[in-house]
C-alpha atoms as a PDB file:
ATOM      1  CA  MET A   1       0.000   0.000   0.000  1.00  0.00           C
ATOM      2  CA  SER A   2       1.364   3.435  -0.927  1.00  0.00           C
ATOM      3  CA  ASN A   3       1.836   6.210   1.584  1.00  0.00           C
ATOM      4  CA  GLU A   4       0.818   8.945  -0.849  1.00  0.00           C
ATOM      5  CA  ARG A   5      -2.141  11.059   0.073  1.00  0.00           C
ATOM      6  CA  ARG A   6      -4.924  11.277  -2.409  1.00  0.00           C
ATOM      7  CA  ARG A   7      -6.046  14.787  -3.244  1.00  0.00           C
ATOM      8  CA  TYR A   8      -9.597  15.541  -4.261  1.00  0.00           C
ATOM      9  CA  ASP A   9     -10.799  18.595  -6.110  1.00  0.00           C
ATOM     10  CA  ALA A  10     -13.559  20.790  -4.716  1.00  0.00           C
ATOM     11  CA  GLY A  11     -16.149  19.515  -7.190  1.00  0.00           C
ATOM     12  CA  PHE A  12     -15.652  15.929  -6.114  1.00  0.00           C
ATOM     13  CA  LYS A  13     -15.812  16.840  -2.424  1.00  0.00           C
ATOM     14  CA  ALA A  14     -19.029  18.771  -3.012  1.00  0.00           C
ATOM     15  CA  LYS A  15     -20.568  15.868  -4.913  1.00  0.00           C
ATOM     16  CA  VAL A  16     -19.779  13.357  -2.168  1.00  0.00           C
ATOM     17  CA  ALA A  17     -20.840  15.715   0.629  1.00  0.00           C
ATOM     18  CA  LEU A  18     -24.103  16.487  -1.141  1.00  0.00           C
ATOM     19  CA  GLU A  19     -24.871  12.796  -1.440  1.00  0.00           C
ATOM     20  CA  ALA A  20     -24.234  12.436   2.281  1.00  0.00           C
ATOM     21  CA  VAL A  21     -26.509  15.365   3.106  1.00  0.00           C
ATOM     22  CA  LYS A  22     -29.312  14.059   0.889  1.00  0.00           C
ATOM     23  CA  GLY A  23     -29.463  10.876   2.930  1.00  0.00           C
ATOM     24  CA  MET A  24     -30.462   8.657  -0.005  1.00  0.00           C
ATOM     25  CA  LYS A  25     -27.492   6.396   0.799  1.00  0.00           C
ATOM     26  CA  THR A  26     -25.804   5.668   4.084  1.00  0.00           C
ATOM     27  CA  ILE A  27     -22.333   6.987   4.793  1.00  0.00           C
ATOM     28  CA  ALA A  28     -21.035   3.418   4.610  1.00  0.00           C
ATOM     29  CA  GLU A  29     -22.504   2.965   1.125  1.00  0.00           C
ATOM     30  CA  ILE A  30     -21.006   6.240  -0.076  1.00  0.00           C
ATOM     31  CA  SER A  31     -17.698   5.304   1.531  1.00  0.00           C
ATOM     32  CA  SER A  32     -17.484   1.978  -0.251  1.00  0.00           C
ATOM     33  CA  GLU A  33     -18.675   3.454  -3.565  1.00  0.00           C
ATOM     34  CA  TYR A  34     -16.018   6.183  -3.683  1.00  0.00           C
ATOM     35  CA  LYS A  35     -13.389   4.316  -1.578  1.00  0.00           C
ATOM     36  CA  ILE A  36     -13.148   7.144   0.934  1.00  0.00           C
ATOM     37  CA  HIS A  37     -13.110   6.780   4.715  1.00  0.00           C
ATOM     38  CA  SER A  38     -16.395   7.590   6.405  1.00  0.00           C
ATOM     39  CA  SER A  39     -14.799  10.170   8.710  1.00  0.00           C
ATOM     40  CA  GLN A  40     -13.590  12.066   5.631  1.00  0.00           C
ATOM     41  CA  ILE A  41     -17.110  12.077   4.199  1.00  0.00           C
ATOM     42  CA  ASN A  42     -18.522  13.275   7.518  1.00  0.00           C
ATOM     43  CA  GLY A  43     -15.950  16.075   7.571  1.00  0.00           C
ATOM     44  CA  TRP A  44     -16.889  17.217   4.072  1.00  0.00           C
ATOM     45  CA  LYS A  45     -20.561  17.009   5.037  1.00  0.00           C
ATOM     46  CA  LYS A  46     -19.987  19.313   8.022  1.00  0.00           C
ATOM     47  CA  VAL A  47     -18.086  21.783   5.840  1.00  0.00           C
ATOM     48  CA  LEU A  48     -20.938  21.803   3.327  1.00  0.00           C
ATOM     49  CA  GLN A  49     -23.566  22.365   6.002  1.00  0.00           C
ATOM     50  CA  ALA A  50     -21.554  25.151   7.654  1.00  0.00           C
ATOM     51  CA  GLY A  51     -20.895  26.848   4.314  1.00  0.00           C
ATOM     52  CA  THR A  52     -24.491  26.991   3.171  1.00  0.00           C
ATOM     53  CA  VAL A  53     -25.290  29.676   5.721  1.00  0.00           C
ATOM     54  CA  GLY A  54     -22.936  32.029   3.891  1.00  0.00           C
ATOM     55  CA  LEU A  55     -24.889  31.609   0.660  1.00  0.00           C
ATOM     56  CA  PHE A  56     -27.911  33.262   2.190  1.00  0.00           C
ATOM     57  CA  GLN A  57     -25.906  36.058   3.799  1.00  0.00           C
ATOM     58  CA  GLU A  58     -24.224  37.082   0.548  1.00  0.00           C
ATOM     59  CA  GLY A  59     -26.699  39.878  -0.204  1.00  0.00           C
ATOM     60  CA  ARG A  60     -26.151  41.422   3.205  1.00  0.00           C
ATOM     61  CA  ASN A  61     -22.371  41.236   2.828  1.00  0.00           C
ATOM     62  CA  GLN A  62     -22.509  42.894  -0.597  1.00  0.00           C
ATOM     63  CA  ARG A  63     -24.543  45.793   0.803  1.00  0.00           C
ATOM     64  CA  GLU A  64     -22.072  46.215   3.654  1.00  0.00           C
ATOM     65  CA  GLU A  65     -19.162  46.138   1.210  1.00  0.00           C
ATOM     66  CA  SER A  66     -20.750  48.822  -0.968  1.00  0.00           C
ATOM     67  CA  ARG A  67     -21.312  51.011   2.101  1.00  0.00           C
ATOM     68  CA  ASN A  68     -17.709  50.503   3.123  1.00  0.00           C
ATOM     69  CA  GLU A  69     -16.506  51.391  -0.378  1.00  0.00           C
ATOM     70  CA  GLU A  70     -18.566  54.598  -0.315  1.00  0.00           C
ATOM     71  CA  LEU A  71     -17.099  55.508   3.068  1.00  0.00           C
ATOM     72  CA  VAL A  72     -13.565  54.830   1.848  1.00  0.00           C
ATOM     73  CA  ASP A  73     -14.164  56.974  -1.249  1.00  0.00           C
ATOM     74  CA  ARG A  74     -15.427  59.878   0.875  1.00  0.00           C
ATOM     75  CA  LEU A  75     -12.486  59.567   3.252  1.00  0.00           C
ATOM     76  CA  PHE A  76      -9.956  59.507   0.414  1.00  0.00           C
ATOM     77  CA  SER A  77     -11.506  62.601  -1.144  1.00  0.00           C
ATOM     78  CA  LYS A  78     -11.361  64.364   2.232  1.00  0.00           C
ATOM     79  CA  ILE A  79      -7.712  63.351   2.631  1.00  0.00           C
ATOM     80  CA  GLY A  80      -6.962  64.747  -0.818  1.00  0.00           C
ATOM     81  CA  GLN A  81      -8.691  68.015   0.028  1.00  0.00           C
ATOM     82  CA  LEU A  82      -6.747  68.333   3.281  1.00  0.00           C
ATOM     83  CA  GLU A  83      -3.443  67.595   1.517  1.00  0.00           C
ATOM     84  CA  VAL A  84      -4.120  70.364  -1.009  1.00  0.00           C
ATOM     85  CA  GLU A  85      -4.958  72.810   1.788  1.00  0.00           C
ATOM     86  CA  LEU A  86      -1.836  71.816   3.706  1.00  0.00           C
ATOM     87  CA  ASP A  87       0.368  72.276   0.635  1.00  0.00           C
ATOM     88  CA  PHE A  88      -1.168  75.723   0.098  1.00  0.00           C
ATOM     89  CA  ILE A  89      -0.509  76.720   3.696  1.00  0.00           C
ATOM     90  CA  LYS A  90       3.071  75.419   3.545  1.00  0.00           C
ATOM     91  CA  LYS A  91       3.760  77.425   0.383  1.00  0.00           C
ATOM     92  CA  LYS A  92       2.233  80.543   1.873  1.00  0.00           C
ATOM     93  CA  ASP A  93       4.176  80.055   5.118  1.00  0.00           C
ATOM     94  CA  SER A  94       7.476  79.507   3.288  1.00  0.00           C
ATOM     95  CA  ARG A  95       6.947  82.700   1.271  1.00  0.00           C
ATOM     96  CA  TYR A  96       6.265  84.578   4.484  1.00  0.00           C
ATOM     97  CA  LEU A  97       9.412  83.190   6.088  1.00  0.00           C
ATOM     98  CA  TRP A  98      11.432  84.015   2.974  1.00  0.00           C
ATOM     99  CA  ARG A  99      10.441  87.701   3.062  1.00  0.00           C
ATOM    100  CA  ARG A 100      10.781  88.131   6.792  1.00  0.00           C
ATOM    101  CA  PRO A 101      12.785  91.210   7.715  1.00  0.00           C
ATOM    102  CA  GLY A 102      15.977  90.658   9.667  1.00  0.00           C
ATOM    103  CA  SER A 103      16.831  87.303   8.076  1.00  0.00           C
END
């Protein structure tokens, strides 16, 4: 028996986990059909069940991301405005210092 680990792509894992969630076959039947240990199938099943919650929260996350992007845009524009004002003040101040009597 080889000591190499078998690697499965995401599509295969999803297929096996979905079969396990459906309950049409027992875990033992799925295990013997695909030659995968039952604990591995149970792990993939748990991942699938935990991940499905995120599918229904996607809309909420997209709205929050768009709000965050708007906030970031406003903050960057404010930073730009403040940098321009600061540059103006620095130039004005340096001209004042340049013309100061007694220097």
